[in-house]
Amino acid sequence: MGVLDDLLAGLPDGALEDVLVAAFWTAVVVRSEGRRRCGLASTPREDDHHYGRGPAIRDAGALAECSARDLAGLVRSASPMEAAVGMAAINALLPPSQARWEPLNAEEIIAAQGAGRRVALVGHFPFVPRLKERVGALWVLERQPREEDLPVEAAPDVIPQADVLALSGTTLINHTFEGLVALRRPGALVVVLGPSTPLSPVLFAYGVDVISGAIVENVDAVVRVVRQGGTFLQVRPHGVRLVTMRRER
């Protein structure tokens, strides 16, 4: 998990204010470097933890007693829900790189780079139907396939054929990121996308060309909607901005 260690190594510390694990999104609020920040991560669905298989978050009820950096360290956990808390903390603590942010969303980048080319997308995003009309070929790999999706087990066959590889930021949470990137063919464009994605240049050292993530600009409003079970389409209008960073060539 070198990428996770490198993400953690460069983080500043901060005062932890709140930890929220809701139906669809996990949010961590910190005060760091004089600013109040909120980081998001997709909440993994682990229904079988409700009865019998042990807690998904071992210290639930006591997480607020952790330091913000210790909370971020949970990203290494084998429990997906703990790892999501860790990723949300990383996203809250990451220093803003505003000079490198562009007001672009991942859908437009993938569509432009994938025109007439083959695209492998790990994670089923709402824009999949639109993207199919704009690229040469689209393979969608999912842990829980729907419609024409392929199971993630098909990755070794599909990803080496792709001209564009787009990975959900949740691949960092479930610790599959490095294995999937290793399957890319030489010269393929690699994009990491979604609100879970850390906007950190660390990812460029691991073969990523484009990072598309989310910035929370209205902490209280976003936390309120997350707390009430909001999906990202509901959360976004309340103070989330989509931005992109590109690797400098």
Protein backbone atom coordinates (compact mmCIF):
# COMPACT_ATOMS: atom_id res chain seq x y z
CA MET A 1 0.00 0.00 0.00
CA GLY A 2 2.78 2.40 -0.93
CA VAL A 3 0.38 4.97 -2.35
CA LEU A 4 -1.51 5.18 0.94
CA ASP A 5 1.71 5.51 2.93
CA ASP A 6 2.84 8.32 0.64
CA LEU A 7 -0.50 10.12 0.94
CA LEU A 8 -0.28 9.94 4.72
CA ALA A 9 3.38 11.00 4.88
CA GLY A 10 2.75 14.48 3.55
CA LEU A 11 -0.31 15.38 5.59
CA PRO A 12 -0.34 18.25 8.07
CA ASP A 13 -2.02 17.66 11.41
CA GLY A 14 -5.28 19.24 12.44
CA ALA A 15 -7.91 19.38 15.15
CA LEU A 16 -10.66 16.84 14.57
CA GLU A 17 -14.18 18.33 14.81
CA ASP A 18 -16.57 15.69 13.52
CA VAL A 19 -16.78 12.20 12.01
CA LEU A 20 -19.94 11.19 10.20
CA VAL A 21 -20.55 7.78 8.58
CA ALA A 22 -23.86 8.06 6.75
CA ALA A 23 -25.76 5.92 4.28
CA PHE A 24 -23.92 7.01 1.15
CA TRP A 25 -21.11 9.31 2.24
CA THR A 26 -18.59 9.49 5.02
CA ALA A 27 -17.50 12.97 6.09
CA VAL A 28 -14.68 14.14 8.35
CA VAL A 29 -14.41 17.75 9.50
CA VAL A 30 -11.10 19.17 10.73
CA ARG A 31 -9.53 22.52 11.48
CA SER A 32 -6.08 22.61 9.90
CA GLU A 33 -3.69 25.42 9.03
CA GLY A 34 -6.22 27.98 10.19
CA ARG A 35 -9.07 26.68 8.02
CA ARG A 36 -12.09 24.50 8.63
CA ARG A 37 -12.23 21.70 6.07
CA CYS A 38 -14.41 18.73 5.23
CA GLY A 39 -13.33 15.61 3.37
CA LEU A 40 -15.68 13.09 1.76
CA ALA A 41 -15.41 9.40 0.93
CA SER A 42 -17.96 6.94 -0.38
CA THR A 43 -19.43 4.78 2.39
CA PRO A 44 -18.97 1.09 1.54
CA ARG A 45 -22.12 -1.00 1.89
CA GLU A 46 -21.42 -3.87 4.25
CA ASP A 47 -24.83 -5.11 5.31
CA ASP A 48 -23.46 -8.35 6.72
CA HIS A 49 -21.77 -6.43 9.55
CA HIS A 50 -25.13 -5.54 11.13
CA TYR A 51 -25.35 -8.98 12.70
CA GLY A 52 -22.68 -11.51 13.47
CA ARG A 53 -19.43 -10.61 11.66
CA GLY A 54 -17.98 -8.12 14.09
CA PRO A 55 -17.96 -4.34 13.95
CA ALA A 56 -17.25 -2.52 10.70
CA ILE A 57 -15.75 0.34 12.75
CA ARG A 58 -14.12 -1.01 15.87
CA ASP A 59 -13.97 2.25 17.84
CA ALA A 60 -17.35 3.63 16.80
CA GLY A 61 -18.39 6.22 19.38
CA ALA A 62 -14.80 7.06 20.28
CA LEU A 63 -13.36 8.23 16.93
CA ALA A 64 -13.59 11.88 18.00
CA GLU A 65 -10.90 11.13 20.59
CA CYS A 66 -8.37 10.39 17.82
CA SER A 67 -6.08 12.96 16.31
CA ALA A 68 -6.91 13.87 12.72
CA ARG A 69 -3.72 12.19 11.46
CA ASP A 70 -4.44 9.00 13.42
CA LEU A 71 -7.91 8.94 11.91
CA ALA A 72 -6.39 9.30 8.44
CA GLY A 73 -4.26 6.24 9.20
CA LEU A 74 -7.42 4.12 9.19
CA VAL A 75 -7.19 4.20 5.39
CA ARG A 76 -4.85 1.21 5.76
CA SER A 77 -7.54 -0.83 7.54
CA ALA A 78 -8.83 -4.11 6.12
CA SER A 79 -12.32 -2.94 7.07
CA PRO A 80 -13.70 -0.94 4.10
CA MET A 81 -15.75 1.33 6.37
CA GLU A 82 -12.74 2.17 8.52
CA ALA A 83 -10.71 2.77 5.37
CA ALA A 84 -13.42 5.15 4.13
CA VAL A 85 -13.16 7.15 7.37
CA GLY A 86 -9.42 7.31 6.81
CA MET A 87 -9.82 8.52 3.23
CA ALA A 88 -12.32 11.20 4.28
CA ALA A 89 -9.79 12.38 6.87
CA ILE A 90 -7.04 12.49 4.23
CA ASN A 91 -9.28 14.56 1.97
CA ALA A 92 -10.02 16.94 4.85
CA LEU A 93 -6.34 17.38 5.75
CA LEU A 94 -4.84 17.72 2.26
CA PRO A 95 -3.54 21.25 1.75
CA PRO A 96 -5.44 23.01 -1.06
CA SER A 97 -3.55 23.15 -4.37
CA GLN A 98 -5.70 25.87 -5.87
CA ALA A 99 -3.10 26.98 -8.39
CA ARG A 100 -3.32 23.54 -10.04
CA TRP A 101 -7.10 23.09 -9.92
CA GLU A 102 -9.05 23.34 -13.15
CA PRO A 103 -12.87 23.64 -13.27
CA LEU A 104 -13.29 20.40 -15.22
CA ASN A 105 -15.22 17.25 -14.41
CA ALA A 106 -14.06 13.74 -15.16
CA GLU A 107 -16.88 12.93 -17.57
CA GLU A 108 -15.74 15.61 -20.02
CA ILE A 109 -12.10 14.57 -19.80
CA ILE A 110 -12.84 10.88 -20.36
CA ALA A 111 -15.20 11.68 -23.23
CA ALA A 112 -12.66 13.93 -24.94
CA GLN A 113 -9.73 11.54 -24.49
CA GLY A 114 -11.82 8.47 -25.29
CA ALA A 115 -13.35 9.70 -28.55
CA GLY A 116 -12.84 6.88 -31.06
CA ARG A 117 -10.78 4.97 -28.49
CA ARG A 118 -11.26 2.20 -25.92
CA VAL A 119 -12.10 3.17 -22.34
CA ALA A 120 -12.06 0.97 -19.22
CA LEU A 121 -13.98 2.51 -16.33
CA VAL A 122 -13.68 0.91 -12.88
CA GLY A 123 -16.85 1.92 -11.03
CA HIS A 124 -20.35 2.51 -12.40
CA PHE A 125 -20.95 6.27 -12.49
CA PRO A 126 -24.24 8.02 -13.38
CA PHE A 127 -22.72 9.36 -16.60
CA VAL A 128 -22.11 5.86 -18.07
CA PRO A 129 -25.06 6.00 -20.54
CA ARG A 130 -23.87 9.36 -21.89
CA LEU A 131 -20.26 8.26 -22.07
CA LYS A 132 -21.12 5.20 -24.15
CA GLU A 133 -22.33 7.53 -26.90
CA ARG A 134 -19.12 9.55 -26.92
CA VAL A 135 -16.27 7.02 -26.86
CA GLY A 136 -15.18 4.29 -29.20
CA ALA A 137 -15.76 1.44 -26.77
CA LEU A 138 -16.58 1.43 -23.07
CA TRP A 139 -16.04 -1.38 -20.59
CA VAL A 140 -17.43 -0.78 -17.09
CA LEU A 141 -15.99 -2.97 -14.34
CA GLU A 142 -17.97 -3.26 -11.10
CA ARG A 143 -17.91 -5.30 -7.90
CA GLN A 144 -21.69 -5.47 -8.13
CA PRO A 145 -22.30 -5.49 -11.90
CA ARG A 146 -25.52 -4.11 -13.35
CA GLU A 147 -26.88 -4.18 -16.89
CA GLU A 148 -23.88 -4.50 -19.24
CA ASP A 149 -21.20 -4.10 -16.55
CA LEU A 150 -18.39 -6.61 -16.27
CA PRO A 151 -17.25 -8.11 -12.95
CA VAL A 152 -13.98 -6.75 -11.60
CA GLU A 153 -12.48 -10.18 -12.13
CA ALA A 154 -12.38 -9.31 -15.85
CA ALA A 155 -9.85 -6.52 -15.19
CA PRO A 156 -6.75 -8.50 -16.29
CA ASP A 157 -8.39 -9.14 -19.68
CA VAL A 158 -9.95 -5.71 -20.22
CA ILE A 159 -7.61 -3.07 -18.79
CA PRO A 160 -4.56 -3.95 -20.97
CA GLN A 161 -6.73 -3.24 -24.05
CA ALA A 162 -7.80 0.24 -22.93
CA ASP A 163 -6.45 3.50 -24.29
CA VAL A 164 -8.00 5.32 -21.32
CA LEU A 165 -8.20 3.78 -17.84
CA ALA A 166 -10.52 5.58 -15.41
CA LEU A 167 -10.53 4.41 -11.79
CA SER A 168 -12.96 5.39 -9.07
CA GLY A 169 -11.31 6.89 -6.00
CA THR A 170 -12.90 4.03 -4.07
CA THR A 171 -10.14 1.77 -5.44
CA LEU A 172 -7.89 3.49 -2.89
CA ILE A 173 -10.38 2.64 -0.13
CA ASN A 174 -10.65 -1.04 -1.08
CA HIS A 175 -6.89 -1.26 -1.74
CA THR A 176 -7.17 -2.38 -5.37
CA PHE A 177 -5.72 0.82 -6.90
CA GLU A 178 -2.12 -0.25 -7.38
CA GLY A 179 -3.00 -3.65 -8.78
CA LEU A 180 -5.38 -2.12 -11.32
CA VAL A 181 -2.94 0.58 -12.44
CA ALA A 182 -0.29 -2.10 -12.95
CA LEU A 183 -2.52 -3.68 -15.62
CA ARG A 184 -2.54 -0.61 -17.87
CA ARG A 185 -0.83 -0.79 -21.21
CA PRO A 186 2.11 1.57 -21.91
CA GLY A 187 0.87 4.95 -23.08
CA ALA A 188 -2.66 4.62 -21.69
CA LEU A 189 -4.12 7.71 -20.05
CA VAL A 190 -4.98 7.06 -16.38
CA VAL A 191 -7.71 9.07 -14.64
CA VAL A 192 -8.78 8.79 -10.99
CA LEU A 193 -12.19 10.27 -10.32
CA GLY A 194 -15.00 10.73 -7.84
CA PRO A 195 -15.51 12.58 -4.55
CA SER A 196 -13.41 10.00 -2.66
CA THR A 197 -10.36 10.88 -4.77
CA PRO A 198 -7.55 12.67 -2.91
CA LEU A 199 -6.48 15.79 -4.79
CA SER A 200 -2.82 15.06 -4.18
CA PRO A 201 0.10 15.06 -6.65
CA VAL A 202 1.27 11.89 -4.89
CA LEU A 203 -0.96 9.96 -7.32
CA PHE A 204 1.08 11.19 -10.28
CA ALA A 205 4.05 9.15 -9.05
CA TYR A 206 1.89 6.03 -9.40
CA GLY A 207 1.12 6.44 -13.10
CA VAL A 208 -1.92 8.71 -12.86
CA ASP A 209 -2.26 11.48 -15.45
CA VAL A 210 -5.49 13.19 -14.34
CA ILE A 211 -7.02 13.52 -10.86
CA SER A 212 -10.67 14.63 -10.63
CA GLY A 213 -12.12 15.14 -7.18
CA ALA A 214 -14.40 17.29 -5.06
CA ILE A 215 -13.85 20.30 -2.81
CA VAL A 216 -16.31 21.04 0.00
CA GLU A 217 -16.87 24.79 0.11
CA ASN A 218 -19.81 24.93 2.53
CA VAL A 219 -18.97 22.55 5.35
CA ASP A 220 -22.12 22.89 7.44
CA ALA A 221 -24.53 22.58 4.51
CA VAL A 222 -22.76 19.56 3.04
CA VAL A 223 -22.54 17.78 6.40
CA ARG A 224 -26.24 18.38 6.98
CA VAL A 225 -27.22 16.70 3.71
CA VAL A 226 -24.76 13.84 4.21
CA ARG A 227 -26.12 13.29 7.72
CA GLN A 228 -29.64 12.98 6.32
CA GLY A 229 -28.69 10.28 3.82
CA GLY A 230 -28.13 12.46 0.77
CA THR A 231 -26.66 11.02 -2.41
CA PHE A 232 -23.90 12.94 -4.17
CA LEU A 233 -26.39 14.49 -6.60
CA GLN A 234 -28.18 15.88 -3.53
CA VAL A 235 -25.00 16.88 -1.71
CA ARG A 236 -23.27 18.66 -4.58
CA PRO A 237 -25.60 21.71 -4.93
CA HIS A 238 -25.10 22.53 -1.25
CA GLY A 239 -21.46 23.48 -1.57
CA VAL A 240 -19.28 20.99 -3.47
CA ARG A 241 -17.09 21.98 -6.40
CA LEU A 242 -15.61 19.50 -8.89
CA VAL A 243 -12.01 20.18 -9.85
CA THR A 244 -9.25 18.47 -11.80
CA MET A 245 -5.46 18.32 -11.55
CA ARG A 246 -3.23 17.20 -14.43
CA ARG A 247 0.23 15.70 -14.28
CA GLU A 248 2.85 18.13 -15.50
CA ARG A 249 4.65 16.68 -18.49
